[in-house]
Amino acid sequence: MSREVMAHVFASQNELGCLCDEAVYQNDIALRLEAAGLGPVAKEVPVMVSLRDFTKTYYLDLVAQESFISELKTTITLTKEHDSQLLNYLLLTETPHGKLVNLRPRSVEYRTVNAVVSATERRLFTFATDHWRPQTPRCGLLAEVFAELLTVWGAFLDYHLYEEALIHFLGGESRVRQRVPLTRAGFSLGTQLIMLVTDSIAFRVTALAPEARNGYEAQLRRFLALTPLTALHWLNLHHHEVQLLTLTR
């Protein structure tokens, strides 16, 4: 199936060129696949993930024969973020493989993305809380909601999804996303938008591998020192390990 789909992707770019919008390629490739008997082909297929009153809907660019997912891009080059996006879709739909396709370069850039774990395996994770220091009831709520999200959805999903859900359950965008002043040596440097648990405690969600954590922690501490905040809760997801850390001034 992959080979047949890609043949029509190449044919589309060969005829249309490499300067069209993503939606144009999406329509053209869908028409070509249907004409070649590789249908049904669905565009912008909704995939919903929810917990209680939180709902997030993603849209799959192309799905052929109800099983082959193609994520189309028109960008300078494919990045790890694009891989993560498609992986997120594969995990949510429990689909083993998908194709990431970039039609902007002169020669089509593409690669296969594989779902690395099953739905059951995604729910096997450990919490590292040795450096977690909840300071208010809302800090406890942050950890409780995070644990619930992982229990229901499992790990490995796009960390922005967990972040959006946390913002929702902590009171919504207007309450959680706030600007705080940054200063150095008594001089104002402006304000920056961050996520707050309380007026004096922020939080950050990441998905960093172990080798990147120390360097990132040093950057978080530098940032915290510029703010009037007393603490920053750092929630990091990496495969089956979930870390909750509290950084203080």
Protein backbone atom coordinates (compact mmCIF):
# COMPACT_ATOMS: atom_id res chain seq x y z
CA MET A 1 0.00 0.00 0.00
CA SER A 2 2.80 2.42 0.89
CA ARG A 3 4.48 2.03 -2.49
CA GLU A 4 1.25 2.63 -4.39
CA VAL A 5 0.38 5.73 -2.39
CA MET A 6 3.85 7.22 -2.81
CA ALA A 7 3.74 6.63 -6.57
CA HIS A 8 0.72 8.93 -6.73
CA VAL A 9 2.36 11.46 -4.40
CA PHE A 10 5.31 11.68 -6.80
CA ALA A 11 2.95 11.94 -9.77
CA SER A 12 1.09 14.77 -8.09
CA GLN A 13 4.21 16.83 -7.49
CA ASN A 14 5.59 16.06 -10.95
CA GLU A 15 2.48 17.54 -12.56
CA LEU A 16 1.63 20.33 -10.09
CA GLY A 17 5.16 21.39 -9.21
CA CYS A 18 6.44 22.15 -5.72
CA LEU A 19 4.84 25.56 -5.06
CA CYS A 20 1.20 24.65 -4.33
CA ASP A 21 -0.47 24.89 -0.96
CA GLU A 22 -0.85 21.77 1.17
CA ALA A 23 -4.62 21.64 0.58
CA VAL A 24 -4.09 21.57 -3.18
CA TYR A 25 -1.81 18.54 -2.97
CA GLN A 26 -4.20 16.93 -0.50
CA ASN A 27 -7.10 17.22 -2.96
CA ASP A 28 -5.04 16.11 -5.94
CA ILE A 29 -3.52 13.07 -4.22
CA ALA A 30 -6.95 12.02 -2.92
CA LEU A 31 -8.37 12.21 -6.46
CA ARG A 32 -5.48 10.18 -7.86
CA LEU A 33 -5.79 7.47 -5.20
CA GLU A 34 -9.54 7.16 -5.74
CA ALA A 35 -9.07 6.96 -9.51
CA ALA A 36 -6.47 4.20 -9.04
CA GLY A 37 -8.86 2.11 -6.96
CA LEU A 38 -7.04 2.77 -3.68
CA GLY A 39 -10.08 4.25 -1.98
CA PRO A 40 -11.99 5.03 -0.03
CA VAL A 41 -9.85 8.09 0.68
CA ALA A 42 -10.86 10.45 3.49
CA LYS A 43 -9.46 13.94 4.10
CA GLU A 44 -9.24 15.82 7.39
CA VAL A 45 -10.36 12.81 9.40
CA PRO A 46 -11.13 13.88 12.98
CA VAL A 47 -9.47 12.09 15.90
CA MET A 48 -10.81 13.07 19.30
CA VAL A 49 -9.13 12.63 22.67
CA SER A 50 -10.96 13.60 25.85
CA LEU A 51 -11.06 13.44 29.61
CA ARG A 52 -14.06 14.61 31.57
CA ASP A 53 -15.00 17.99 30.04
CA PHE A 54 -11.72 18.45 28.14
CA THR A 55 -11.75 17.59 24.44
CA LYS A 56 -9.07 17.94 21.79
CA THR A 57 -9.63 17.11 18.13
CA TYR A 58 -6.85 16.41 15.66
CA TYR A 59 -7.31 16.04 11.91
CA LEU A 60 -5.55 13.44 9.75
CA ASP A 61 -4.62 14.81 6.31
CA LEU A 62 -5.27 11.67 4.26
CA VAL A 63 -6.47 8.19 5.19
CA ALA A 64 -6.60 5.61 2.41
CA GLN A 65 -8.62 2.41 2.77
CA GLU A 66 -9.39 3.35 6.38
CA SER A 67 -5.91 2.35 7.53
CA PHE A 68 -3.07 4.11 5.69
CA ILE A 69 -2.36 7.55 7.18
CA SER A 70 -0.42 10.17 5.24
CA GLU A 71 0.55 13.47 6.85
CA LEU A 72 1.30 16.11 4.21
CA LYS A 73 3.62 19.09 4.65
CA THR A 74 4.78 22.00 2.49
CA THR A 75 7.80 23.19 4.41
CA ILE A 76 11.52 23.74 3.84
CA THR A 77 12.39 20.42 5.46
CA LEU A 78 10.86 17.83 7.75
CA THR A 79 11.73 18.12 11.45
CA LYS A 80 11.47 15.97 14.56
CA GLU A 81 8.34 17.92 15.47
CA HIS A 82 6.66 16.65 12.31
CA ASP A 83 7.60 13.08 13.23
CA SER A 84 6.18 13.63 16.71
CA GLN A 85 2.94 14.96 15.26
CA LEU A 86 2.39 11.89 13.10
CA LEU A 87 3.48 9.55 15.89
CA ASN A 88 0.86 11.17 18.11
CA TYR A 89 -1.81 10.42 15.48
CA LEU A 90 -0.64 6.82 15.11
CA LEU A 91 -0.76 6.19 18.84
CA LEU A 92 -4.20 7.75 19.22
CA THR A 93 -5.61 5.67 16.35
CA GLU A 94 -3.59 2.55 17.26
CA THR A 95 -2.16 2.46 13.73
CA PRO A 96 1.27 0.81 13.38
CA HIS A 97 2.71 2.89 10.52
CA GLY A 98 2.17 6.17 8.71
CA LYS A 99 3.86 8.22 6.00
CA LEU A 100 5.20 11.73 6.49
CA VAL A 101 5.43 13.58 3.17
CA ASN A 102 6.90 16.99 2.35
CA LEU A 103 5.99 18.32 -1.11
CA ARG A 104 7.83 21.65 -1.02
CA PRO A 105 11.36 20.45 -1.97
CA ARG A 106 12.09 19.85 -5.65
CA SER A 107 12.26 16.15 -4.85
CA VAL A 108 9.55 14.85 -2.52
CA GLU A 109 10.89 14.33 1.01
CA TYR A 110 9.26 11.46 2.87
CA ARG A 111 9.74 8.93 5.60
CA THR A 112 7.85 6.23 7.44
CA VAL A 113 6.93 6.78 11.08
CA ASN A 114 6.30 3.72 13.22
CA ALA A 115 4.20 3.54 16.36
CA VAL A 116 6.73 2.50 18.99
CA VAL A 117 4.39 1.08 21.63
CA SER A 118 0.94 -0.42 21.98
CA ALA A 119 -1.93 1.20 23.87
CA THR A 120 -1.30 -1.19 26.76
CA GLU A 121 2.44 -0.47 26.86
CA ARG A 122 1.82 3.28 26.90
CA ARG A 123 0.09 2.87 30.26
CA LEU A 124 3.14 1.24 31.82
CA PHE A 125 5.18 4.12 33.24
CA THR A 126 6.94 5.15 36.43
CA PHE A 127 6.77 8.43 38.33
CA ALA A 128 10.05 9.92 39.61
CA THR A 129 9.09 12.34 42.39
CA ASP A 130 12.24 12.53 44.52
CA HIS A 131 12.55 16.24 43.76
CA TRP A 132 8.84 17.09 43.73
CA ARG A 133 7.89 19.66 46.38
CA PRO A 134 4.19 20.67 46.24
CA GLN A 135 3.77 23.93 48.12
CA THR A 136 0.04 24.61 47.86
CA PRO A 137 -3.13 22.56 47.26
CA ARG A 138 -3.07 23.69 43.64
CA CYS A 139 0.40 22.16 43.27
CA GLY A 140 -1.14 18.91 44.43
CA LEU A 141 -3.95 19.36 41.93
CA LEU A 142 -1.38 19.80 39.14
CA ALA A 143 0.23 16.46 39.98
CA GLU A 144 -3.11 14.69 40.44
CA VAL A 145 -4.47 15.82 37.08
CA PHE A 146 -1.20 14.95 35.34
CA ALA A 147 -1.34 11.44 36.82
CA GLU A 148 -4.96 11.06 35.71
CA LEU A 149 -4.13 12.13 32.15
CA LEU A 150 -1.35 9.56 31.95
CA THR A 151 -3.51 6.83 33.45
CA VAL A 152 -6.33 7.41 30.96
CA TRP A 153 -4.35 8.35 27.84
CA GLY A 154 -1.01 6.71 28.55
CA ALA A 155 2.40 8.26 27.95
CA PHE A 156 4.24 8.88 24.64
CA LEU A 157 1.65 11.32 23.23
CA ASP A 158 2.52 14.87 22.17
CA TYR A 159 3.43 16.72 25.37
CA HIS A 160 1.45 19.75 24.19
CA LEU A 161 -1.70 17.66 24.61
CA TYR A 162 -1.00 17.10 28.31
CA GLU A 163 -0.12 20.78 28.64
CA GLU A 164 -3.41 21.90 27.10
CA ALA A 165 -5.37 19.59 29.38
CA LEU A 166 -3.51 20.82 32.47
CA ILE A 167 -4.28 24.43 31.54
CA HIS A 168 -7.94 23.51 31.14
CA PHE A 169 -8.25 21.77 34.49
CA LEU A 170 -6.32 24.49 36.32
CA GLY A 171 -8.81 27.13 35.26
CA GLY A 172 -8.31 27.83 31.58
CA GLU A 173 -6.10 30.00 29.43
CA SER A 174 -7.06 33.34 30.97
CA ARG A 175 -6.21 32.16 34.47
CA VAL A 176 -3.16 30.00 33.78
CA ARG A 177 -1.33 31.83 30.99
CA GLN A 178 -0.09 35.07 32.47
CA ARG A 179 2.68 37.56 31.80
CA VAL A 180 5.31 37.98 34.49
CA PRO A 181 7.99 40.68 34.67
CA LEU A 182 11.62 39.78 34.03
CA THR A 183 14.42 41.79 35.60
CA ARG A 184 18.20 41.64 35.80
CA ALA A 185 20.23 43.56 38.38
CA GLY A 186 17.23 45.75 39.07
CA PHE A 187 16.61 46.62 35.41
CA SER A 188 13.31 45.75 33.76
CA LEU A 189 13.64 43.44 30.75
CA GLY A 190 9.95 43.30 29.88
CA THR A 191 7.35 40.60 30.48
CA GLN A 192 6.98 37.00 29.31
CA LEU A 193 3.97 34.73 28.98
CA ILE A 194 4.22 31.62 31.16
CA MET A 195 1.91 29.06 32.77
CA LEU A 196 1.06 29.63 36.42
CA VAL A 197 -0.18 27.24 39.09
CA THR A 198 -0.51 30.14 41.54
CA ASP A 199 0.52 33.79 41.33
CA SER A 200 4.02 32.84 42.49
CA ILE A 201 4.49 29.30 41.10
CA ALA A 202 4.84 28.37 37.43
CA PHE A 203 4.93 25.03 35.62
CA ARG A 204 6.54 23.70 32.46
CA VAL A 205 5.86 20.48 30.52
CA THR A 206 8.57 18.93 28.33
CA ALA A 207 9.50 15.65 26.65
CA LEU A 208 13.28 15.53 26.99
CA ALA A 209 15.64 12.59 26.91
CA PRO A 210 17.93 12.06 29.94
CA GLU A 211 20.99 13.52 28.21
CA ALA A 212 19.16 16.82 27.65
CA ARG A 213 17.70 17.29 31.12
CA ASN A 214 20.69 18.72 32.98
CA GLY A 215 21.28 21.42 30.42
CA TYR A 216 17.59 22.30 30.33
CA GLU A 217 17.36 22.41 34.11
CA ALA A 218 20.20 24.93 34.16
CA GLN A 219 18.27 27.09 31.69
CA LEU A 220 15.09 26.84 33.77
CA ARG A 221 17.00 27.99 36.85
CA ARG A 222 18.43 30.96 34.94
CA PHE A 223 14.96 31.90 33.78
CA LEU A 224 13.44 31.51 37.25
CA ALA A 225 16.08 33.86 38.67
CA LEU A 226 14.85 36.63 36.35
CA THR A 227 11.27 36.41 37.63
CA PRO A 228 9.52 37.24 40.92
CA LEU A 229 8.32 33.62 41.11
CA THR A 230 9.23 31.46 44.12
CA ALA A 231 9.14 28.09 42.32
CA LEU A 232 8.68 26.29 39.03
CA HIS A 233 7.25 22.79 38.71
CA TRP A 234 8.81 20.86 35.83
CA LEU A 235 6.91 17.89 34.39
CA ASN A 236 8.97 15.84 31.94
CA LEU A 237 7.87 12.84 29.91
CA HIS A 238 10.34 10.47 28.33
CA HIS A 239 9.00 7.14 27.15
CA HIS A 240 8.04 5.11 30.24
CA GLU A 241 9.57 7.54 32.74
CA VAL A 242 7.69 10.57 34.03
CA GLN A 243 9.58 13.06 36.20
CA LEU A 244 8.08 15.70 38.48
CA LEU A 245 10.60 18.20 39.80
CA THR A 246 10.33 21.45 41.73
CA LEU A 247 12.88 24.19 41.16
CA THR A 248 13.09 27.01 43.67
CA ARG A 249 14.92 30.32 43.77
